[in-house]
């Protein structure tokens, strides 16, 4: 089961990634300021979780490289940007993460876990947190896109 005990690495500046411009989005993520799960409305990590822990990173890996190669076979004229477009793969990846969260909860029924699928919005440096336990992330993802949720006790 892909979950691991972690010590959260907090860095409030990661919330600023949400407003970093990227192709087609000159003001950053369109959910910023609109969703309660996104900055600035998203609570700080320890407002949402019991600071004493424990914390688990629950994760899933989506074979993005395989997806791109399959899409290239079907659409040989598409650009790399079109082949990697999240509209064609992100829902499958999120579904996979939610399945891993359900398995995690089944394996650890002793706690009524709070699970956050966008912990970076709460100030968690996901890359540094996973690096501490020997899990590397591709940034930007080329072959594998890893989705990470944080599970912990409620305050």
C-alpha atoms as a PDB file:
ATOM      1  CA  UNK A   1       0.000   0.000   0.000  1.00  0.00           C
ATOM      2  CA  UNK A   2       1.555   3.348  -0.943  1.00  0.00           C
ATOM      3  CA  UNK A   3       1.582   5.251   2.311  1.00  0.00           C
ATOM      4  CA  UNK A   4       4.417   6.213   4.577  1.00  0.00           C
ATOM      5  CA  UNK A   5       4.815   7.816   7.992  1.00  0.00           C
ATOM      6  CA  UNK A   6       6.197  11.345   7.535  1.00  0.00           C
ATOM      7  CA  UNK A   7       7.210  14.426   9.443  1.00  0.00           C
ATOM      8  CA  UNK A   8       5.627  17.391   7.663  1.00  0.00           C
ATOM      9  CA  UNK A   9       8.033  19.980   6.270  1.00  0.00           C
ATOM     10  CA  UNK A  10       6.210  23.282   6.455  1.00  0.00           C
ATOM     11  CA  UNK A  11       6.976  26.207   4.196  1.00  0.00           C
ATOM     12  CA  UNK A  12       4.236  28.774   3.789  1.00  0.00           C
ATOM     13  CA  UNK A  13       5.902  30.050   0.620  1.00  0.00           C
ATOM     14  CA  UNK A  14       4.697  26.953  -1.268  1.00  0.00           C
ATOM     15  CA  UNK A  15       1.238  28.520  -1.167  1.00  0.00           C
ATOM     16  CA  UNK A  16       2.684  31.148  -3.498  1.00  0.00           C
ATOM     17  CA  UNK A  17       3.117  28.530  -6.222  1.00  0.00           C
ATOM     18  CA  UNK A  18      -0.625  28.822  -6.790  1.00  0.00           C
ATOM     19  CA  UNK A  19      -0.236  32.301  -8.238  1.00  0.00           C
ATOM     20  CA  UNK A  20       2.831  31.534 -10.348  1.00  0.00           C
ATOM     21  CA  UNK A  21       1.971  32.135 -14.020  1.00  0.00           C
ATOM     22  CA  UNK A  22       2.038  29.178 -16.378  1.00  0.00           C
ATOM     23  CA  UNK A  23       1.063  28.638 -19.976  1.00  0.00           C
ATOM     24  CA  UNK A  24      -2.501  29.750 -20.545  1.00  0.00           C
ATOM     25  CA  UNK A  25      -2.838  31.029 -16.954  1.00  0.00           C
ATOM     26  CA  UNK A  26      -1.063  34.363 -16.533  1.00  0.00           C
ATOM     27  CA  UNK A  27      -2.362  34.702 -12.948  1.00  0.00           C
ATOM     28  CA  UNK A  28      -1.638  31.138 -11.855  1.00  0.00           C
ATOM     29  CA  UNK A  29      -4.173  28.511 -10.873  1.00  0.00           C
ATOM     30  CA  UNK A  30      -7.765  29.537 -11.618  1.00  0.00           C
ATOM     31  CA  UNK A  31      -8.874  27.969  -8.289  1.00  0.00           C
ATOM     32  CA  UNK A  32      -6.799  30.419  -6.235  1.00  0.00           C
ATOM     33  CA  UNK A  33      -9.141  32.621  -4.250  1.00  0.00           C
ATOM     34  CA  UNK A  34     -12.206  30.694  -5.459  1.00  0.00           C
ATOM     35  CA  UNK A  35     -12.065  27.342  -3.696  1.00  0.00           C
ATOM     36  CA  UNK A  36     -12.125  27.006   0.101  1.00  0.00           C
ATOM     37  CA  UNK A  37      -9.447  24.301  -0.280  1.00  0.00           C
ATOM     38  CA  UNK A  38      -7.105  26.749  -1.993  1.00  0.00           C
ATOM     39  CA  UNK A  39      -5.167  29.798  -0.790  1.00  0.00           C
ATOM     40  CA  UNK A  40      -5.881  32.193   0.640  1.00  0.00           C
ATOM     41  CA  UNK A  41      -8.900  30.482   2.274  1.00  0.00           C
ATOM     42  CA  UNK A  42      -7.190  27.143   2.945  1.00  0.00           C
ATOM     43  CA  UNK A  43      -6.221  26.854   6.604  1.00  0.00           C
ATOM     44  CA  UNK A  44      -2.643  26.465   7.783  1.00  0.00           C
ATOM     45  CA  UNK A  45      -1.699  22.798   8.211  1.00  0.00           C
ATOM     46  CA  UNK A  46      -1.823  22.814  12.012  1.00  0.00           C
ATOM     47  CA  UNK A  47      -5.193  24.538  12.031  1.00  0.00           C
ATOM     48  CA  UNK A  48      -6.578  21.519  10.181  1.00  0.00           C
ATOM     49  CA  UNK A  49      -4.519  18.718  11.772  1.00  0.00           C
ATOM     50  CA  UNK A  50      -3.423  17.783  15.290  1.00  0.00           C
ATOM     51  CA  UNK A  51       0.161  18.999  15.459  1.00  0.00           C
ATOM     52  CA  UNK A  52       1.265  15.990  17.526  1.00  0.00           C
ATOM     53  CA  UNK A  53       0.639  13.593  14.631  1.00  0.00           C
ATOM     54  CA  UNK A  54       1.057  10.988  13.409  1.00  0.00           C
ATOM     55  CA  UNK A  55       1.099  11.998   9.754  1.00  0.00           C
ATOM     56  CA  UNK A  56       1.058   9.775   6.706  1.00  0.00           C
ATOM     57  CA  UNK A  57       1.679  10.628   3.087  1.00  0.00           C
ATOM     58  CA  UNK A  58      -0.707   8.582   0.972  1.00  0.00           C
ATOM     59  CA  UNK A  59       0.304   8.612  -2.645  1.00  0.00           C
ATOM     60  CA  UNK A  60      -0.374   7.192  -6.059  1.00  0.00           C
ATOM     61  CA  UNK A  61       1.742   7.173  -9.164  1.00  0.00           C
ATOM     62  CA  UNK A  62       0.295   7.760 -12.603  1.00  0.00           C
ATOM     63  CA  UNK A  63       2.330   6.472 -15.580  1.00  0.00           C
ATOM     64  CA  UNK A  64       2.352   9.771 -17.445  1.00  0.00           C
ATOM     65  CA  UNK A  65       5.044   8.689 -19.912  1.00  0.00           C
ATOM     66  CA  UNK A  66       2.991   5.643 -20.921  1.00  0.00           C
ATOM     67  CA  UNK A  67      -0.070   7.854 -21.306  1.00  0.00           C
ATOM     68  CA  UNK A  68       1.840  10.294 -23.536  1.00  0.00           C
ATOM     69  CA  UNK A  69       3.183   7.483 -25.709  1.00  0.00           C
ATOM     70  CA  UNK A  70      -0.318   5.966 -26.090  1.00  0.00           C
ATOM     71  CA  UNK A  71      -1.800   9.358 -26.966  1.00  0.00           C
ATOM     72  CA  UNK A  72       0.974   9.951 -29.507  1.00  0.00           C
ATOM     73  CA  UNK A  73       0.001   6.679 -31.224  1.00  0.00           C
ATOM     74  CA  UNK A  74      -3.632   7.836 -31.425  1.00  0.00           C
ATOM     75  CA  UNK A  75      -2.870  11.473 -32.250  1.00  0.00           C
ATOM     76  CA  UNK A  76       0.468  11.643 -34.098  1.00  0.00           C
ATOM     77  CA  UNK A  77      -0.012  15.286 -35.050  1.00  0.00           C
ATOM     78  CA  UNK A  78      -0.492  16.561 -31.507  1.00  0.00           C
ATOM     79  CA  UNK A  79       2.119  18.698 -29.757  1.00  0.00           C
ATOM     80  CA  UNK A  80       3.788  17.541 -26.552  1.00  0.00           C
ATOM     81  CA  UNK A  81       1.657  20.068 -24.656  1.00  0.00           C
ATOM     82  CA  UNK A  82      -1.521  18.524 -26.064  1.00  0.00           C
ATOM     83  CA  UNK A  83      -0.314  14.998 -25.267  1.00  0.00           C
ATOM     84  CA  UNK A  84       0.377  15.947 -21.626  1.00  0.00           C
ATOM     85  CA  UNK A  85      -2.781  17.997 -21.126  1.00  0.00           C
ATOM     86  CA  UNK A  86      -4.201  17.273 -17.659  1.00  0.00           C
ATOM     87  CA  UNK A  87      -7.731  17.132 -19.065  1.00  0.00           C
ATOM     88  CA  UNK A  88      -6.897  13.701 -20.506  1.00  0.00           C
ATOM     89  CA  UNK A  89      -5.291  12.072 -17.472  1.00  0.00           C
ATOM     90  CA  UNK A  90      -5.745  13.965 -14.209  1.00  0.00           C
ATOM     91  CA  UNK A  91      -9.164  12.530 -13.335  1.00  0.00           C
ATOM     92  CA  UNK A  92      -7.764   8.996 -13.632  1.00  0.00           C
ATOM     93  CA  UNK A  93      -4.811   9.941 -11.440  1.00  0.00           C
ATOM     94  CA  UNK A  94      -7.043  11.527  -8.797  1.00  0.00           C
ATOM     95  CA  UNK A  95      -9.303   8.481  -8.811  1.00  0.00           C
ATOM     96  CA  UNK A  96      -6.242   6.326  -8.182  1.00  0.00           C
ATOM     97  CA  UNK A  97      -5.231   8.548  -5.233  1.00  0.00           C
ATOM     98  CA  UNK A  98      -8.718   8.348  -3.720  1.00  0.00           C
ATOM     99  CA  UNK A  99      -8.584   4.557  -3.982  1.00  0.00           C
ATOM    100  CA  UNK A 100      -5.258   4.576  -2.105  1.00  0.00           C
ATOM    101  CA  UNK A 101      -6.773   6.835   0.573  1.00  0.00           C
ATOM    102  CA  UNK A 102      -9.662   4.376   1.006  1.00  0.00           C
ATOM    103  CA  UNK A 103      -7.193   1.480   1.366  1.00  0.00           C
ATOM    104  CA  UNK A 104      -5.179   3.492   3.885  1.00  0.00           C
ATOM    105  CA  UNK A 105      -8.283   4.183   6.001  1.00  0.00           C
ATOM    106  CA  UNK A 106      -9.242   0.488   5.879  1.00  0.00           C
ATOM    107  CA  UNK A 107      -5.756  -0.484   7.040  1.00  0.00           C
ATOM    108  CA  UNK A 108      -5.824   2.077   9.892  1.00  0.00           C
ATOM    109  CA  UNK A 109      -9.411   2.084  11.227  1.00  0.00           C
ATOM    110  CA  UNK A 110      -8.335   3.094  14.739  1.00  0.00           C
ATOM    111  CA  UNK A 111      -8.378   6.804  13.832  1.00  0.00           C
ATOM    112  CA  UNK A 112     -10.962   9.036  12.177  1.00  0.00           C
ATOM    113  CA  UNK A 113      -8.384  10.417   9.757  1.00  0.00           C
ATOM    114  CA  UNK A 114      -8.552  13.799   8.149  1.00  0.00           C
ATOM    115  CA  UNK A 115      -7.133  13.491   4.649  1.00  0.00           C
ATOM    116  CA  UNK A 116      -6.189  16.477   2.513  1.00  0.00           C
ATOM    117  CA  UNK A 117      -5.541  15.929  -1.186  1.00  0.00           C
ATOM    118  CA  UNK A 118      -3.980  19.375  -1.658  1.00  0.00           C
ATOM    119  CA  UNK A 119      -1.739  19.733   1.416  1.00  0.00           C
ATOM    120  CA  UNK A 120       0.530  22.211  -0.363  1.00  0.00           C
ATOM    121  CA  UNK A 121      -2.370  24.679  -0.157  1.00  0.00           C
ATOM    122  CA  UNK A 122      -1.941  24.443   3.642  1.00  0.00           C
ATOM    123  CA  UNK A 123       1.786  25.141   3.522  1.00  0.00           C
ATOM    124  CA  UNK A 124       3.187  21.603   3.254  1.00  0.00           C
ATOM    125  CA  UNK A 125       6.335  21.293   1.164  1.00  0.00           C
ATOM    126  CA  UNK A 126       5.355  17.949  -0.352  1.00  0.00           C
ATOM    127  CA  UNK A 127       8.641  17.486  -2.219  1.00  0.00           C
ATOM    128  CA  UNK A 128      10.790  18.056   0.885  1.00  0.00           C
ATOM    129  CA  UNK A 129       8.485  15.968   3.090  1.00  0.00           C
ATOM    130  CA  UNK A 130       8.733  12.956   0.783  1.00  0.00           C
ATOM    131  CA  UNK A 131      12.451  13.455   0.175  1.00  0.00           C
ATOM    132  CA  UNK A 132      12.959  12.997   3.944  1.00  0.00           C
ATOM    133  CA  UNK A 133      11.614   9.425   3.628  1.00  0.00           C
ATOM    134  CA  UNK A 134      13.478   8.602   0.425  1.00  0.00           C
ATOM    135  CA  UNK A 135      10.721   9.262  -2.101  1.00  0.00           C
ATOM    136  CA  UNK A 136      11.654  11.520  -4.996  1.00  0.00           C
ATOM    137  CA  UNK A 137       9.218  13.377  -7.193  1.00  0.00           C
ATOM    138  CA  UNK A 138       9.712  14.355 -10.827  1.00  0.00           C
ATOM    139  CA  UNK A 139       9.259  18.101 -11.315  1.00  0.00           C
ATOM    140  CA  UNK A 140       7.878  18.593 -13.801  1.00  0.00           C
ATOM    141  CA  UNK A 141       6.658  15.030 -14.188  1.00  0.00           C
ATOM    142  CA  UNK A 142       7.977  13.361 -17.320  1.00  0.00           C
ATOM    143  CA  UNK A 143       7.440   9.635 -16.778  1.00  0.00           C
ATOM    144  CA  UNK A 144       5.541   9.464 -13.484  1.00  0.00           C
ATOM    145  CA  UNK A 145       3.106  11.940 -11.950  1.00  0.00           C
ATOM    146  CA  UNK A 146       2.796  11.387  -8.207  1.00  0.00           C
ATOM    147  CA  UNK A 147      -0.289  12.623  -6.389  1.00  0.00           C
ATOM    148  CA  UNK A 148       0.050  12.983  -2.628  1.00  0.00           C
ATOM    149  CA  UNK A 149      -2.494  13.333   0.152  1.00  0.00           C
ATOM    150  CA  UNK A 150      -1.685  14.004   3.800  1.00  0.00           C
ATOM    151  CA  UNK A 151      -3.477  12.032   6.504  1.00  0.00           C
ATOM    152  CA  UNK A 152      -3.453  13.035  10.139  1.00  0.00           C
ATOM    153  CA  UNK A 153      -5.571  13.349  13.256  1.00  0.00           C
ATOM    154  CA  UNK A 154      -8.140  16.082  13.548  1.00  0.00           C
ATOM    155  CA  UNK A 155      -7.361  18.873  16.061  1.00  0.00           C
END
